[in-house]
Amino acid sequence: MLNLTLKDGLMINAILTGITGLGLALFAELSAIYLIPGAPVWLIVALGIALVVFAIDVGLIARWKSASAPLVGFVFAADLLWVIGVPAILVLMPSAFTALGITASLAVTVVVACFALVEWQGLKAIGSAS
């Protein structure tokens, strides 16, 4: 089993989230066509930009010398919201997504769930250290 430190997990989270956000922002029209037909392009651009901002935040948190429980908790809560929210959206609006869109959304959600587990373990370690 791969054993990531909290800082490494946060940094990988930041990098992958940033890449995803840039991809959505730069290729919003293609994303709309192949993933969520009928979605306004501005909405996909906004999601991409929000992911880039989140990635920057997570990267800054990862680079701090000592882990801050409230900041790591923020990242954990955001990732947990993604893990719960995306499947809920897929259940409530399945016809809004293509098969590729559903597959990509679920794949990203699995990766985010792995980051959430690393963050949860890190939060437990921070709590036991104090």
N, C-alpha and C. Protein backbone atom coordinates (compact mmCIF):
# COMPACT_ATOMS: atom_id res chain seq x y z
N MET A 1 0.84 -1.18 0.00
CA MET A 1 0.00 0.00 0.00
C MET A 1 0.88 1.24 0.00
N LEU A 2 0.49 2.22 -0.77
CA LEU A 2 1.21 3.48 -0.86
C LEU A 2 0.92 4.30 0.39
N ASN A 3 1.96 4.78 1.03
CA ASN A 3 1.79 5.56 2.25
C ASN A 3 2.26 6.99 1.99
N LEU A 4 1.30 7.90 1.77
CA LEU A 4 1.61 9.30 1.50
C LEU A 4 1.61 10.11 2.78
N THR A 5 2.55 11.04 2.88
CA THR A 5 2.47 11.99 3.97
C THR A 5 1.38 13.00 3.64
N LEU A 6 0.92 13.72 4.65
CA LEU A 6 -0.11 14.72 4.44
C LEU A 6 0.36 15.78 3.45
N LYS A 7 1.58 16.26 3.63
CA LYS A 7 2.10 17.30 2.73
C LYS A 7 2.18 16.80 1.29
N ASP A 8 2.66 15.58 1.10
CA ASP A 8 2.74 15.03 -0.26
C ASP A 8 1.34 14.85 -0.86
N GLY A 9 0.41 14.33 -0.06
CA GLY A 9 -0.95 14.16 -0.54
C GLY A 9 -1.59 15.48 -0.94
N LEU A 10 -1.37 16.50 -0.11
CA LEU A 10 -1.92 17.82 -0.44
C LEU A 10 -1.28 18.38 -1.71
N MET A 11 0.01 18.19 -1.87
CA MET A 11 0.69 18.72 -3.06
C MET A 11 0.23 18.00 -4.33
N ILE A 12 0.08 16.68 -4.26
CA ILE A 12 -0.42 15.95 -5.43
C ILE A 12 -1.85 16.38 -5.73
N ASN A 13 -2.64 16.58 -4.69
CA ASN A 13 -4.01 17.07 -4.84
C ASN A 13 -3.99 18.42 -5.56
N ALA A 14 -3.12 19.31 -5.12
CA ALA A 14 -3.03 20.64 -5.74
C ALA A 14 -2.65 20.55 -7.21
N ILE A 15 -1.69 19.72 -7.54
CA ILE A 15 -1.22 19.60 -8.91
C ILE A 15 -2.32 19.03 -9.82
N LEU A 16 -2.93 17.93 -9.39
CA LEU A 16 -3.97 17.30 -10.21
C LEU A 16 -5.22 18.18 -10.33
N THR A 17 -5.57 18.86 -9.24
CA THR A 17 -6.71 19.76 -9.28
C THR A 17 -6.43 20.94 -10.21
N GLY A 18 -5.22 21.46 -10.15
CA GLY A 18 -4.83 22.56 -11.03
C GLY A 18 -4.88 22.17 -12.50
N ILE A 19 -4.37 20.98 -12.80
CA ILE A 19 -4.39 20.50 -14.18
C ILE A 19 -5.84 20.32 -14.66
N THR A 20 -6.67 19.75 -13.81
CA THR A 20 -8.08 19.56 -14.17
C THR A 20 -8.77 20.91 -14.40
N GLY A 21 -8.52 21.85 -13.48
CA GLY A 21 -9.13 23.17 -13.61
C GLY A 21 -8.68 23.89 -14.86
N LEU A 22 -7.39 23.85 -15.14
CA LEU A 22 -6.89 24.47 -16.37
C LEU A 22 -7.50 23.83 -17.60
N GLY A 23 -7.59 22.51 -17.59
CA GLY A 23 -8.19 21.81 -18.73
C GLY A 23 -9.63 22.23 -18.95
N LEU A 24 -10.39 22.31 -17.87
CA LEU A 24 -11.79 22.72 -18.02
C LEU A 24 -11.89 24.17 -18.49
N ALA A 25 -11.07 25.05 -17.92
CA ALA A 25 -11.14 26.46 -18.29
C ALA A 25 -10.70 26.70 -19.73
N LEU A 26 -9.63 26.03 -20.15
CA LEU A 26 -9.09 26.25 -21.50
C LEU A 26 -9.87 25.52 -22.58
N PHE A 27 -10.47 24.41 -22.23
CA PHE A 27 -11.19 23.60 -23.22
C PHE A 27 -12.65 23.43 -22.83
N ALA A 28 -13.25 24.51 -22.39
CA ALA A 28 -14.63 24.47 -21.90
C ALA A 28 -15.62 24.07 -22.99
N GLU A 29 -15.41 24.54 -24.20
CA GLU A 29 -16.35 24.19 -25.28
C GLU A 29 -16.29 22.69 -25.58
N LEU A 30 -15.08 22.14 -25.64
CA LEU A 30 -14.96 20.70 -25.87
C LEU A 30 -15.53 19.91 -24.70
N SER A 31 -15.28 20.39 -23.48
CA SER A 31 -15.83 19.72 -22.30
C SER A 31 -17.34 19.71 -22.35
N ALA A 32 -17.93 20.82 -22.77
CA ALA A 32 -19.39 20.90 -22.88
C ALA A 32 -19.90 19.89 -23.91
N ILE A 33 -19.23 19.79 -25.02
CA ILE A 33 -19.68 18.89 -26.08
C ILE A 33 -19.56 17.43 -25.66
N TYR A 34 -18.40 17.05 -25.11
CA TYR A 34 -18.12 15.64 -24.85
C TYR A 34 -18.53 15.15 -23.47
N LEU A 35 -18.69 16.06 -22.50
CA LEU A 35 -18.99 15.63 -21.14
C LEU A 35 -20.40 16.01 -20.69
N ILE A 36 -20.77 17.28 -20.93
CA ILE A 36 -22.06 17.78 -20.45
C ILE A 36 -22.71 18.60 -21.56
N PRO A 37 -23.26 17.94 -22.56
CA PRO A 37 -23.87 18.69 -23.66
C PRO A 37 -25.02 19.56 -23.13
N GLY A 38 -25.08 20.76 -23.63
CA GLY A 38 -26.14 21.66 -23.20
C GLY A 38 -25.75 22.54 -22.02
N ALA A 39 -24.65 22.23 -21.36
CA ALA A 39 -24.20 23.07 -20.25
C ALA A 39 -23.63 24.36 -20.81
N PRO A 40 -23.92 25.49 -20.18
CA PRO A 40 -23.33 26.74 -20.66
C PRO A 40 -21.81 26.71 -20.51
N VAL A 41 -21.13 27.17 -21.53
CA VAL A 41 -19.67 27.16 -21.51
C VAL A 41 -19.13 27.98 -20.34
N TRP A 42 -19.78 29.10 -20.03
CA TRP A 42 -19.32 29.95 -18.93
C TRP A 42 -19.32 29.17 -17.60
N LEU A 43 -20.26 28.25 -17.44
CA LEU A 43 -20.33 27.47 -16.20
C LEU A 43 -19.12 26.54 -16.07
N ILE A 44 -18.72 25.94 -17.19
CA ILE A 44 -17.56 25.06 -17.18
C ILE A 44 -16.28 25.87 -16.97
N VAL A 45 -16.20 27.05 -17.59
CA VAL A 45 -15.05 27.93 -17.36
C VAL A 45 -14.99 28.32 -15.89
N ALA A 46 -16.13 28.67 -15.30
CA ALA A 46 -16.17 29.07 -13.89
C ALA A 46 -15.73 27.92 -12.99
N LEU A 47 -16.17 26.70 -13.29
CA LEU A 47 -15.74 25.54 -12.51
C LEU A 47 -14.23 25.36 -12.63
N GLY A 48 -13.71 25.49 -13.84
CA GLY A 48 -12.27 25.36 -14.05
C GLY A 48 -11.49 26.40 -13.26
N ILE A 49 -11.94 27.64 -13.29
CA ILE A 49 -11.25 28.71 -12.55
C ILE A 49 -11.33 28.45 -11.04
N ALA A 50 -12.50 28.02 -10.56
CA ALA A 50 -12.66 27.71 -9.14
C ALA A 50 -11.70 26.59 -8.73
N LEU A 51 -11.54 25.59 -9.58
CA LEU A 51 -10.61 24.50 -9.27
C LEU A 51 -9.17 24.98 -9.24
N VAL A 52 -8.81 25.90 -10.14
CA VAL A 52 -7.44 26.44 -10.14
C VAL A 52 -7.19 27.23 -8.85
N VAL A 53 -8.15 28.05 -8.44
CA VAL A 53 -8.01 28.81 -7.19
C VAL A 53 -7.89 27.86 -6.00
N PHE A 54 -8.73 26.82 -5.98
CA PHE A 54 -8.65 25.83 -4.91
C PHE A 54 -7.28 25.14 -4.92
N ALA A 55 -6.78 24.80 -6.10
CA ALA A 55 -5.47 24.15 -6.22
C ALA A 55 -4.36 25.03 -5.66
N ILE A 56 -4.43 26.31 -5.94
CA ILE A 56 -3.43 27.24 -5.41
C ILE A 56 -3.49 27.26 -3.88
N ASP A 57 -4.70 27.31 -3.34
CA ASP A 57 -4.87 27.28 -1.88
C ASP A 57 -4.28 26.00 -1.29
N VAL A 58 -4.61 24.87 -1.89
CA VAL A 58 -4.13 23.59 -1.37
C VAL A 58 -2.60 23.53 -1.47
N GLY A 59 -2.04 24.02 -2.56
CA GLY A 59 -0.58 24.04 -2.71
C GLY A 59 0.08 24.89 -1.65
N LEU A 60 -0.50 26.04 -1.35
CA LEU A 60 0.06 26.89 -0.29
C LEU A 60 -0.03 26.21 1.07
N ILE A 61 -1.15 25.57 1.34
CA ILE A 61 -1.31 24.85 2.61
C ILE A 61 -0.29 23.73 2.71
N ALA A 62 -0.05 23.03 1.60
CA ALA A 62 0.91 21.92 1.59
C ALA A 62 2.33 22.39 1.86
N ARG A 63 2.66 23.61 1.46
CA ARG A 63 4.04 24.10 1.58
C ARG A 63 4.35 24.70 2.95
N TRP A 64 3.35 24.92 3.78
CA TRP A 64 3.61 25.48 5.10
C TRP A 64 4.41 24.50 5.94
N LYS A 65 5.25 25.05 6.81
CA LYS A 65 6.15 24.21 7.60
C LYS A 65 5.41 23.29 8.55
N SER A 66 4.38 23.79 9.20
CA SER A 66 3.60 22.93 10.10
C SER A 66 2.16 22.89 9.62
N ALA A 67 1.57 21.72 9.71
CA ALA A 67 0.20 21.53 9.22
C ALA A 67 -0.78 22.21 10.17
N SER A 68 -1.71 22.95 9.60
CA SER A 68 -2.75 23.64 10.35
C SER A 68 -4.02 22.82 10.27
N ALA A 69 -4.52 22.36 11.42
CA ALA A 69 -5.73 21.54 11.42
C ALA A 69 -6.92 22.26 10.77
N PRO A 70 -7.15 23.55 11.05
CA PRO A 70 -8.28 24.20 10.40
C PRO A 70 -8.14 24.27 8.87
N LEU A 71 -6.93 24.52 8.38
CA LEU A 71 -6.75 24.62 6.92
C LEU A 71 -6.84 23.25 6.25
N VAL A 72 -6.23 22.25 6.87
CA VAL A 72 -6.35 20.90 6.33
C VAL A 72 -7.81 20.45 6.42
N GLY A 73 -8.48 20.83 7.48
CA GLY A 73 -9.89 20.51 7.63
C GLY A 73 -10.73 21.15 6.53
N PHE A 74 -10.38 22.37 6.13
CA PHE A 74 -11.06 23.03 5.01
C PHE A 74 -10.90 22.23 3.73
N VAL A 75 -9.68 21.79 3.44
CA VAL A 75 -9.43 21.01 2.22
C VAL A 75 -10.18 19.68 2.30
N PHE A 76 -10.13 19.05 3.47
CA PHE A 76 -10.85 17.78 3.66
C PHE A 76 -12.35 17.98 3.43
N ALA A 77 -12.91 19.03 4.00
CA ALA A 77 -14.35 19.29 3.84
C ALA A 77 -14.71 19.55 2.37
N ALA A 78 -13.87 20.30 1.67
CA ALA A 78 -14.13 20.57 0.25
C ALA A 78 -14.06 19.28 -0.56
N ASP A 79 -13.07 18.45 -0.28
CA ASP A 79 -12.95 17.18 -1.00
C ASP A 79 -14.13 16.26 -0.67
N LEU A 80 -14.54 16.23 0.59
CA LEU A 80 -15.67 15.41 0.98
C LEU A 80 -16.95 15.90 0.31
N LEU A 81 -17.10 17.21 0.20
CA LEU A 81 -18.26 17.77 -0.50
C LEU A 81 -18.27 17.32 -1.96
N TRP A 82 -17.10 17.28 -2.59
CA TRP A 82 -16.99 16.81 -3.97
C TRP A 82 -17.40 15.34 -4.06
N VAL A 83 -16.89 14.54 -3.12
CA VAL A 83 -17.15 13.09 -3.14
C VAL A 83 -18.64 12.80 -2.95
N ILE A 84 -19.33 13.60 -2.18
CA ILE A 84 -20.76 13.42 -1.97
C ILE A 84 -21.57 14.10 -3.08
N GLY A 85 -21.14 15.29 -3.47
CA GLY A 85 -21.90 16.10 -4.41
C GLY A 85 -21.93 15.57 -5.83
N VAL A 86 -20.81 15.12 -6.34
CA VAL A 86 -20.77 14.67 -7.74
C VAL A 86 -21.68 13.47 -7.97
N PRO A 87 -21.60 12.40 -7.15
CA PRO A 87 -22.55 11.31 -7.37
C PRO A 87 -24.01 11.74 -7.21
N ALA A 88 -24.27 12.66 -6.28
CA ALA A 88 -25.64 13.15 -6.11
C ALA A 88 -26.12 13.86 -7.38
N ILE A 89 -25.27 14.67 -7.96
CA ILE A 89 -25.63 15.35 -9.22
C ILE A 89 -25.85 14.34 -10.33
N LEU A 90 -24.99 13.33 -10.39
CA LEU A 90 -25.14 12.31 -11.43
C LEU A 90 -26.44 11.52 -11.27
N VAL A 91 -26.85 11.29 -10.02
CA VAL A 91 -28.11 10.58 -9.77
C VAL A 91 -29.30 11.47 -10.10
N LEU A 92 -29.21 12.74 -9.73
CA LEU A 92 -30.34 13.66 -9.94
C LEU A 92 -30.49 14.11 -11.40
N MET A 93 -29.37 14.17 -12.12
CA MET A 93 -29.40 14.67 -13.50
C MET A 93 -28.60 13.78 -14.46
N PRO A 94 -28.89 12.49 -14.50
CA PRO A 94 -28.06 11.61 -15.34
C PRO A 94 -28.12 11.94 -16.82
N SER A 95 -29.24 12.44 -17.29
CA SER A 95 -29.35 12.71 -18.72
C SER A 95 -28.57 13.94 -19.15
N ALA A 96 -28.08 14.72 -18.19
CA ALA A 96 -27.29 15.91 -18.53
C ALA A 96 -25.88 15.54 -18.96
N PHE A 97 -25.44 14.33 -18.63
CA PHE A 97 -24.06 13.91 -18.89
C PHE A 97 -24.01 12.84 -19.97
N THR A 98 -22.93 12.85 -20.72
CA THR A 98 -22.67 11.75 -21.65
C THR A 98 -22.09 10.59 -20.84
N ALA A 99 -21.98 9.43 -21.48
CA ALA A 99 -21.36 8.28 -20.81
C ALA A 99 -19.91 8.63 -20.43
N LEU A 100 -19.22 9.33 -21.32
CA LEU A 100 -17.86 9.77 -21.02
C LEU A 100 -17.86 10.75 -19.84
N GLY A 101 -18.84 11.64 -19.79
CA GLY A 101 -18.94 12.60 -18.70
C GLY A 101 -19.16 11.91 -17.37
N ILE A 102 -20.02 10.90 -17.35
CA ILE A 102 -20.28 10.15 -16.12
C ILE A 102 -19.02 9.40 -15.69
N THR A 103 -18.38 8.74 -16.64
CA THR A 103 -17.16 7.99 -16.34
C THR A 103 -16.05 8.91 -15.82
N ALA A 104 -15.84 10.03 -16.48
CA ALA A 104 -14.80 10.97 -16.06
C ALA A 104 -15.12 11.54 -14.68
N SER A 105 -16.37 11.89 -14.45
CA SER A 105 -16.76 12.46 -13.15
C SER A 105 -16.54 11.46 -12.03
N LEU A 106 -16.91 10.21 -12.27
CA LEU A 106 -16.72 9.18 -11.23
C LEU A 106 -15.24 8.87 -11.02
N ALA A 107 -14.46 8.88 -12.08
CA ALA A 107 -13.02 8.63 -11.94
C ALA A 107 -12.36 9.73 -11.11
N VAL A 108 -12.69 10.97 -11.41
CA VAL A 108 -12.15 12.09 -10.63
C VAL A 108 -12.60 11.98 -9.18
N THR A 109 -13.84 11.59 -8.97
CA THR A 109 -14.37 11.47 -7.61
C THR A 109 -13.63 10.39 -6.82
N VAL A 110 -13.26 9.30 -7.45
CA VAL A 110 -12.49 8.26 -6.76
C VAL A 110 -11.13 8.81 -6.33
N VAL A 111 -10.49 9.56 -7.21
CA VAL A 111 -9.19 10.16 -6.87
C VAL A 111 -9.35 11.15 -5.73
N VAL A 112 -10.37 11.98 -5.78
CA VAL A 112 -10.62 12.96 -4.71
C VAL A 112 -10.90 12.24 -3.39
N ALA A 113 -11.61 11.11 -3.45
CA ALA A 113 -11.87 10.33 -2.24
C ALA A 113 -10.56 9.82 -1.63
N CYS A 114 -9.62 9.44 -2.46
CA CYS A 114 -8.30 9.00 -1.96
C CYS A 114 -7.59 10.16 -1.27
N PHE A 115 -7.65 11.35 -1.85
CA PHE A 115 -7.06 12.52 -1.19
C PHE A 115 -7.74 12.79 0.14
N ALA A 116 -9.05 12.65 0.18
CA ALA A 116 -9.79 12.89 1.42
C ALA A 116 -9.34 11.91 2.51
N LEU A 117 -9.07 10.67 2.13
CA LEU A 117 -8.57 9.69 3.11
C LEU A 117 -7.20 10.09 3.67
N VAL A 118 -6.32 10.53 2.78
CA VAL A 118 -5.00 11.00 3.23
C VAL A 118 -5.16 12.19 4.17
N GLU A 119 -6.05 13.11 3.82
CA GLU A 119 -6.27 14.30 4.65
C GLU A 119 -6.88 13.92 6.00
N TRP A 120 -7.79 12.96 6.00
CA TRP A 120 -8.39 12.50 7.25
C TRP A 120 -7.33 11.88 8.17
N GLN A 121 -6.46 11.06 7.59
CA GLN A 121 -5.38 10.47 8.37
C GLN A 121 -4.45 11.56 8.91
N GLY A 122 -4.18 12.57 8.08
CA GLY A 122 -3.34 13.68 8.51
C GLY A 122 -3.98 14.47 9.64
N LEU A 123 -5.29 14.69 9.55
CA LEU A 123 -6.00 15.40 10.62
C LEU A 123 -5.96 14.62 11.92
N LYS A 124 -6.09 13.30 11.83
CA LYS A 124 -6.01 12.47 13.04
C LYS A 124 -4.62 12.57 13.65
N ALA A 125 -3.59 12.58 12.80
CA ALA A 125 -2.21 12.69 13.29
C ALA A 125 -1.96 14.06 13.94
N ILE A 126 -2.51 15.12 13.33
CA ILE A 126 -2.37 16.46 13.92
C ILE A 126 -3.05 16.50 15.28
N GLY A 127 -4.23 15.90 15.37
CA GLY A 127 -4.97 15.89 16.62
C GLY A 127 -4.27 15.12 17.71
N SER A 128 -3.63 14.01 17.36
CA SER A 128 -2.93 13.22 18.38
C SER A 128 -1.61 13.83 18.78
N ALA A 129 -1.05 14.68 17.92
CA ALA A 129 0.23 15.33 18.24
C ALA A 129 0.05 16.48 19.20
N SER A 130 -1.16 17.05 19.22
CA SER A 130 -1.36 18.22 20.09
C SER A 130 -1.93 17.86 21.44
